[in-house]
Amino acid sequence: MSSAPAPIAGASVQPGTHQVMVWLYPVGQLAHLIPLPPGTARELAAQLNAAADLAERLSRGEGEK
């Protein structure tokens, strides 16, 4: 198992375009900047939240429900 820090991610609004700018910065690599329309950003956020919830349940040994 690696003790390397997890990739860093964030988001902001791009002035003038009204898009959500998602950035991902995997450790030791160049950052990735991804422009998304608000609806797509919401869908991605919902998927990330659902995956995080499942990962927490699995780490506690609860399994998929």
PDB file of N, CA and C in Angstrom:
ATOM      1  N   MET A   1       0.845  -1.169   0.000  1.00  0.00           N
ATOM      2  CA  MET A   1       0.000   0.000   0.000  1.00  0.00           C
ATOM      3  C   MET A   1       0.894   1.237   0.000  1.00  0.00           C
ATOM      4  N   SER A   2       0.534   2.211  -0.794  1.00  0.00           N
ATOM      5  CA  SER A   2       1.316   3.436  -0.921  1.00  0.00           C
ATOM      6  C   SER A   2       0.907   4.446   0.140  1.00  0.00           C
ATOM      7  N   SER A   3       1.874   5.207   0.614  1.00  0.00           N
ATOM      8  CA  SER A   3       1.557   6.270   1.563  1.00  0.00           C
ATOM      9  C   SER A   3       1.512   7.621   0.865  1.00  0.00           C
ATOM     10  N   ALA A   4       1.501   7.624  -0.469  1.00  0.00           N
ATOM     11  CA  ALA A   4       1.446   8.869  -1.231  1.00  0.00           C
ATOM     12  C   ALA A   4       0.116   9.574  -0.983  1.00  0.00           C
ATOM     13  N   PRO A   5       0.136  10.901  -0.945  1.00  0.00           N
ATOM     14  CA  PRO A   5      -1.113  11.634  -0.745  1.00  0.00           C
ATOM     15  C   PRO A   5      -2.071  11.441  -1.920  1.00  0.00           C
ATOM     16  N   ALA A   6      -3.345  11.557  -1.634  1.00  0.00           N
ATOM     17  CA  ALA A   6      -4.365  11.408  -2.669  1.00  0.00           C
ATOM     18  C   ALA A   6      -4.318  12.599  -3.624  1.00  0.00           C
ATOM     19  N   PRO A   7      -4.779  12.401  -4.858  1.00  0.00           N
ATOM     20  CA  PRO A   7      -4.856  13.530  -5.781  1.00  0.00           C
ATOM     21  C   PRO A   7      -5.732  14.639  -5.201  1.00  0.00           C
ATOM     22  N   ILE A   8      -5.417  15.857  -5.558  1.00  0.00           N
ATOM     23  CA  ILE A   8      -6.164  17.009  -5.074  1.00  0.00           C
ATOM     24  C   ILE A   8      -7.128  17.440  -6.170  1.00  0.00           C
ATOM     25  N   ALA A   9      -8.334  17.824  -5.786  1.00  0.00           N
ATOM     26  CA  ALA A   9      -9.339  18.262  -6.749  1.00  0.00           C
ATOM     27  C   ALA A   9     -10.061  19.484  -6.213  1.00  0.00           C
ATOM     28  N   GLY A  10     -10.660  20.226  -7.105  1.00  0.00           N
ATOM     29  CA  GLY A  10     -11.420  21.400  -6.703  1.00  0.00           C
ATOM     30  C   GLY A  10     -12.265  21.894  -7.856  1.00  0.00           C
ATOM     31  N   ALA A  11     -13.012  22.945  -7.596  1.00  0.00           N
ATOM     32  CA  ALA A  11     -13.871  23.516  -8.626  1.00  0.00           C
ATOM     33  C   ALA A  11     -14.095  24.994  -8.340  1.00  0.00           C
ATOM     34  N   SER A  12     -14.367  25.721  -9.404  1.00  0.00           N
ATOM     35  CA  SER A  12     -14.707  27.137  -9.290  1.00  0.00           C
ATOM     36  C   SER A  12     -15.541  27.511 -10.509  1.00  0.00           C
ATOM     37  N   VAL A  13     -16.028  28.741 -10.529  1.00  0.00           N
ATOM     38  CA  VAL A  13     -16.807  29.224 -11.667  1.00  0.00           C
ATOM     39  C   VAL A  13     -15.900  30.069 -12.553  1.00  0.00           C
ATOM     40  N   GLN A  14     -15.938  29.811 -13.843  1.00  0.00           N
ATOM     41  CA  GLN A  14     -15.156  30.585 -14.811  1.00  0.00           C
ATOM     42  C   GLN A  14     -15.942  31.847 -15.164  1.00  0.00           C
ATOM     43  N   PRO A  15     -15.452  33.020 -14.748  1.00  0.00           N
ATOM     44  CA  PRO A  15     -16.160  34.267 -15.077  1.00  0.00           C
ATOM     45  C   PRO A  15     -16.329  34.429 -16.590  1.00  0.00           C
ATOM     46  N   GLY A  16     -17.469  34.909 -16.975  1.00  0.00           N
ATOM     47  CA  GLY A  16     -17.725  35.167 -18.389  1.00  0.00           C
ATOM     48  C   GLY A  16     -18.281  33.980 -19.150  1.00  0.00           C
ATOM     49  N   THR A  17     -17.976  32.768 -18.714  1.00  0.00           N
ATOM     50  CA  THR A  17     -18.478  31.584 -19.422  1.00  0.00           C
ATOM     51  C   THR A  17     -19.608  30.914 -18.656  1.00  0.00           C
ATOM     52  N   HIS A  18     -19.707  31.214 -17.368  1.00  0.00           N
ATOM     53  CA  HIS A  18     -20.719  30.607 -16.498  1.00  0.00           C
ATOM     54  C   HIS A  18     -20.593  29.091 -16.460  1.00  0.00           C
ATOM     55  N   GLN A  19     -19.367  28.600 -16.634  1.00  0.00           N
ATOM     56  CA  GLN A  19     -19.107  27.172 -16.534  1.00  0.00           C
ATOM     57  C   GLN A  19     -18.383  26.872 -15.228  1.00  0.00           C
ATOM     58  N   VAL A  20     -18.540  25.639 -14.793  1.00  0.00           N
ATOM     59  CA  VAL A  20     -17.806  25.159 -13.628  1.00  0.00           C
ATOM     60  C   VAL A  20     -16.471  24.625 -14.131  1.00  0.00           C
ATOM     61  N   MET A  21     -15.401  25.106 -13.550  1.00  0.00           N
ATOM     62  CA  MET A  21     -14.067  24.642 -13.919  1.00  0.00           C
ATOM     63  C   MET A  21     -13.606  23.655 -12.846  1.00  0.00           C
ATOM     64  N   VAL A  22     -13.515  22.397 -13.217  1.00  0.00           N
ATOM     65  CA  VAL A  22     -13.058  21.352 -12.303  1.00  0.00           C
ATOM     66  C   VAL A  22     -11.570  21.165 -12.535  1.00  0.00           C
ATOM     67  N   TRP A  23     -10.802  21.107 -11.454  1.00  0.00           N
ATOM     68  CA  TRP A  23      -9.372  20.841 -11.613  1.00  0.00           C
ATOM     69  C   TRP A  23      -8.995  19.633 -10.790  1.00  0.00           C
ATOM     70  N   LEU A  24      -8.141  18.825 -11.388  1.00  0.00           N
ATOM     71  CA  LEU A  24      -7.606  17.627 -10.741  1.00  0.00           C
ATOM     72  C   LEU A  24      -6.091  17.726 -10.799  1.00  0.00           C
ATOM     73  N   TYR A  25      -5.460  17.481  -9.682  1.00  0.00           N
ATOM     74  CA  TYR A  25      -4.003  17.573  -9.629  1.00  0.00           C
ATOM     75  C   TYR A  25      -3.448  16.293  -9.032  1.00  0.00           C
ATOM     76  N   PRO A  26      -3.277  15.240  -9.860  1.00  0.00           N
ATOM     77  CA  PRO A  26      -2.670  14.011  -9.352  1.00  0.00           C
ATOM     78  C   PRO A  26      -1.231  14.302  -8.926  1.00  0.00           C
ATOM     79  N   VAL A  27      -0.857  13.826  -7.782  1.00  0.00           N
ATOM     80  CA  VAL A  27       0.479  14.079  -7.244  1.00  0.00           C
ATOM     81  C   VAL A  27       1.543  13.649  -8.251  1.00  0.00           C
ATOM     82  N   GLY A  28       2.481  14.531  -8.514  1.00  0.00           N
ATOM     83  CA  GLY A  28       3.568  14.232  -9.427  1.00  0.00           C
ATOM     84  C   GLY A  28       3.229  14.390 -10.898  1.00  0.00           C
ATOM     85  N   GLN A  29       2.039  14.888 -11.202  1.00  0.00           N
ATOM     86  CA  GLN A  29       1.620  15.064 -12.591  1.00  0.00           C
ATOM     87  C   GLN A  29       1.144  16.496 -12.804  1.00  0.00           C
ATOM     88  N   LEU A  30       0.913  16.835 -14.052  1.00  0.00           N
ATOM     89  CA  LEU A  30       0.349  18.135 -14.366  1.00  0.00           C
ATOM     90  C   LEU A  30      -1.123  18.172 -13.988  1.00  0.00           C
ATOM     91  N   ALA A  31      -1.606  19.349 -13.649  1.00  0.00           N
ATOM     92  CA  ALA A  31      -3.021  19.517 -13.319  1.00  0.00           C
ATOM     93  C   ALA A  31      -3.873  19.410 -14.586  1.00  0.00           C
ATOM     94  N   HIS A  32      -5.089  18.938 -14.412  1.00  0.00           N
ATOM     95  CA  HIS A  32      -6.058  18.849 -15.500  1.00  0.00           C
ATOM     96  C   HIS A  32      -7.184  19.825 -15.181  1.00  0.00           C
ATOM     97  N   LEU A  33      -7.536  20.684 -16.114  1.00  0.00           N
ATOM     98  CA  LEU A  33      -8.610  21.655 -15.946  1.00  0.00           C
ATOM     99  C   LEU A  33      -9.726  21.287 -16.914  1.00  0.00           C
ATOM    100  N   ILE A  34     -10.935  21.068 -16.376  1.00  0.00           N
ATOM    101  CA  ILE A  34     -12.043  20.565 -17.182  1.00  0.00           C
ATOM    102  C   ILE A  34     -13.229  21.515 -17.050  1.00  0.00           C
ATOM    103  N   PRO A  35     -13.636  22.183 -18.142  1.00  0.00           N
ATOM    104  CA  PRO A  35     -14.816  23.047 -18.083  1.00  0.00           C
ATOM    105  C   PRO A  35     -16.087  22.211 -18.228  1.00  0.00           C
ATOM    106  N   LEU A  36     -17.061  22.467 -17.357  1.00  0.00           N
ATOM    107  CA  LEU A  36     -18.324  21.728 -17.404  1.00  0.00           C
ATOM    108  C   LEU A  36     -19.499  22.691 -17.298  1.00  0.00           C
ATOM    109  N   PRO A  37     -20.588  22.421 -18.030  1.00  0.00           N
ATOM    110  CA  PRO A  37     -21.806  23.183 -17.808  1.00  0.00           C
ATOM    111  C   PRO A  37     -22.341  22.852 -16.407  1.00  0.00           C
ATOM    112  N   PRO A  38     -23.110  23.754 -15.803  1.00  0.00           N
ATOM    113  CA  PRO A  38     -23.592  23.519 -14.440  1.00  0.00           C
ATOM    114  C   PRO A  38     -24.319  22.181 -14.251  1.00  0.00           C
ATOM    115  N   GLY A  39     -25.163  21.790 -15.196  1.00  0.00           N
ATOM    116  CA  GLY A  39     -25.893  20.532 -15.053  1.00  0.00           C
ATOM    117  C   GLY A  39     -24.974  19.325 -15.017  1.00  0.00           C
ATOM    118  N   THR A  40     -23.979  19.317 -15.869  1.00  0.00           N
ATOM    119  CA  THR A  40     -23.011  18.222 -15.891  1.00  0.00           C
ATOM    120  C   THR A  40     -22.200  18.200 -14.607  1.00  0.00           C
ATOM    121  N   ALA A  41     -21.846  19.381 -14.105  1.00  0.00           N
ATOM    122  CA  ALA A  41     -21.107  19.459 -12.842  1.00  0.00           C
ATOM    123  C   ALA A  41     -21.940  18.885 -11.697  1.00  0.00           C
ATOM    124  N   ARG A  42     -23.245  19.172 -11.693  1.00  0.00           N
ATOM    125  CA  ARG A  42     -24.123  18.611 -10.649  1.00  0.00           C
ATOM    126  C   ARG A  42     -24.190  17.089 -10.745  1.00  0.00           C
ATOM    127  N   GLU A  43     -24.300  16.563 -11.976  1.00  0.00           N
ATOM    128  CA  GLU A  43     -24.336  15.109 -12.164  1.00  0.00           C
ATOM    129  C   GLU A  43     -23.041  14.469 -11.671  1.00  0.00           C
ATOM    130  N   LEU A  44     -21.911  15.077 -12.000  1.00  0.00           N
ATOM    131  CA  LEU A  44     -20.621  14.560 -11.544  1.00  0.00           C
ATOM    132  C   LEU A  44     -20.536  14.600 -10.023  1.00  0.00           C
ATOM    133  N   ALA A  45     -20.984  15.695  -9.426  1.00  0.00           N
ATOM    134  CA  ALA A  45     -20.957  15.814  -7.965  1.00  0.00           C
ATOM    135  C   ALA A  45     -21.820  14.729  -7.318  1.00  0.00           C
ATOM    136  N   ALA A  46     -22.983  14.451  -7.893  1.00  0.00           N
ATOM    137  CA  ALA A  46     -23.857  13.407  -7.352  1.00  0.00           C
ATOM    138  C   ALA A  46     -23.191  12.037  -7.457  1.00  0.00           C
ATOM    139  N   GLN A  47     -22.524  11.771  -8.583  1.00  0.00           N
ATOM    140  CA  GLN A  47     -21.832  10.493  -8.748  1.00  0.00           C
ATOM    141  C   GLN A  47     -20.677  10.359  -7.756  1.00  0.00           C
ATOM    142  N   LEU A  48     -19.930  11.443  -7.563  1.00  0.00           N
ATOM    143  CA  LEU A  48     -18.823  11.410  -6.599  1.00  0.00           C
ATOM    144  C   LEU A  48     -19.334  11.180  -5.182  1.00  0.00           C
ATOM    145  N   ASN A  49     -20.427  11.852  -4.815  1.00  0.00           N
ATOM    146  CA  ASN A  49     -20.996  11.657  -3.480  1.00  0.00           C
ATOM    147  C   ASN A  49     -21.486  10.229  -3.284  1.00  0.00           C
ATOM    148  N   ALA A  50     -22.151   9.672  -4.291  1.00  0.00           N
ATOM    149  CA  ALA A  50     -22.639   8.295  -4.185  1.00  0.00           C
ATOM    150  C   ALA A  50     -21.471   7.314  -4.062  1.00  0.00           C
ATOM    151  N   ALA A  51     -20.428   7.523  -4.845  1.00  0.00           N
ATOM    152  CA  ALA A  51     -19.261   6.638  -4.768  1.00  0.00           C
ATOM    153  C   ALA A  51     -18.569   6.755  -3.414  1.00  0.00           C
ATOM    154  N   ALA A  52     -18.473   7.972  -2.881  1.00  0.00           N
ATOM    155  CA  ALA A  52     -17.849   8.165  -1.570  1.00  0.00           C
ATOM    156  C   ALA A  52     -18.673   7.488  -0.476  1.00  0.00           C
ATOM    157  N   ASP A  53     -20.001   7.597  -0.556  1.00  0.00           N
ATOM    158  CA  ASP A  53     -20.862   6.930   0.425  1.00  0.00           C
ATOM    159  C   ASP A  53     -20.663   5.417   0.384  1.00  0.00           C
ATOM    160  N   LEU A  54     -20.635   4.849  -0.819  1.00  0.00           N
ATOM    161  CA  LEU A  54     -20.445   3.405  -0.957  1.00  0.00           C
ATOM    162  C   LEU A  54     -19.068   2.989  -0.450  1.00  0.00           C
ATOM    163  N   ALA A  55     -18.041   3.753  -0.791  1.00  0.00           N
ATOM    164  CA  ALA A  55     -16.686   3.427  -0.327  1.00  0.00           C
ATOM    165  C   ALA A  55     -16.619   3.420   1.199  1.00  0.00           C
ATOM    166  N   GLU A  56     -17.283   4.380   1.843  1.00  0.00           N
ATOM    167  CA  GLU A  56     -17.300   4.403   3.313  1.00  0.00           C
ATOM    168  C   GLU A  56     -18.017   3.185   3.874  1.00  0.00           C
ATOM    169  N   ARG A  57     -19.164   2.831   3.275  1.00  0.00           N
ATOM    170  CA  ARG A  57     -19.898   1.650   3.760  1.00  0.00           C
ATOM    171  C   ARG A  57     -19.060   0.393   3.598  1.00  0.00           C
ATOM    172  N   LEU A  58     -18.405   0.251   2.446  1.00  0.00           N
ATOM    173  CA  LEU A  58     -17.574  -0.927   2.211  1.00  0.00           C
ATOM    174  C   LEU A  58     -16.398  -0.975   3.179  1.00  0.00           C
ATOM    175  N   SER A  59     -15.820   0.177   3.489  1.00  0.00           N
ATOM    176  CA  SER A  59     -14.678   0.195   4.413  1.00  0.00           C
ATOM    177  C   SER A  59     -15.099  -0.193   5.825  1.00  0.00           C
ATOM    178  N   ARG A  60     -16.374  -0.005   6.140  1.00  0.00           N
ATOM    179  CA  ARG A  60     -16.889  -0.417   7.454  1.00  0.00           C
ATOM    180  C   ARG A  60     -17.405  -1.852   7.424  1.00  0.00           C
ATOM    181  N   GLY A  61     -17.300  -2.495   6.250  1.00  0.00           N
ATOM    182  CA  GLY A  61     -17.738  -3.881   6.128  1.00  0.00           C
ATOM    183  C   GLY A  61     -19.229  -4.038   5.958  1.00  0.00           C
ATOM    184  N   GLU A  62     -19.920  -2.972   5.574  1.00  0.00           N
ATOM    185  CA  GLU A  62     -21.373  -3.029   5.440  1.00  0.00           C
ATOM    186  C   GLU A  62     -21.822  -3.596   4.104  1.00  0.00           C
ATOM    187  N   GLY A  63     -20.963  -3.600   3.094  1.00  0.00           N
ATOM    188  CA  GLY A  63     -21.335  -4.126   1.788  1.00  0.00           C
ATOM    189  C   GLY A  63     -22.283  -3.210   1.052  1.00  0.00           C
ATOM    190  N   GLU A  64     -22.643  -3.620  -0.158  1.00  0.00           N
ATOM    191  CA  GLU A  64     -23.562  -2.820  -0.972  1.00  0.00           C
ATOM    192  C   GLU A  64     -24.982  -3.039  -0.497  1.00  0.00           C
ATOM    193  N   LYS A  65     -25.735  -1.947  -0.463  1.00  0.00           N
ATOM    194  CA  LYS A  65     -27.150  -2.026  -0.062  1.00  0.00           C
ATOM    195  C   LYS A  65     -28.007  -1.339  -1.073  1.00  0.00           C
TER     196      LYS A  65
END
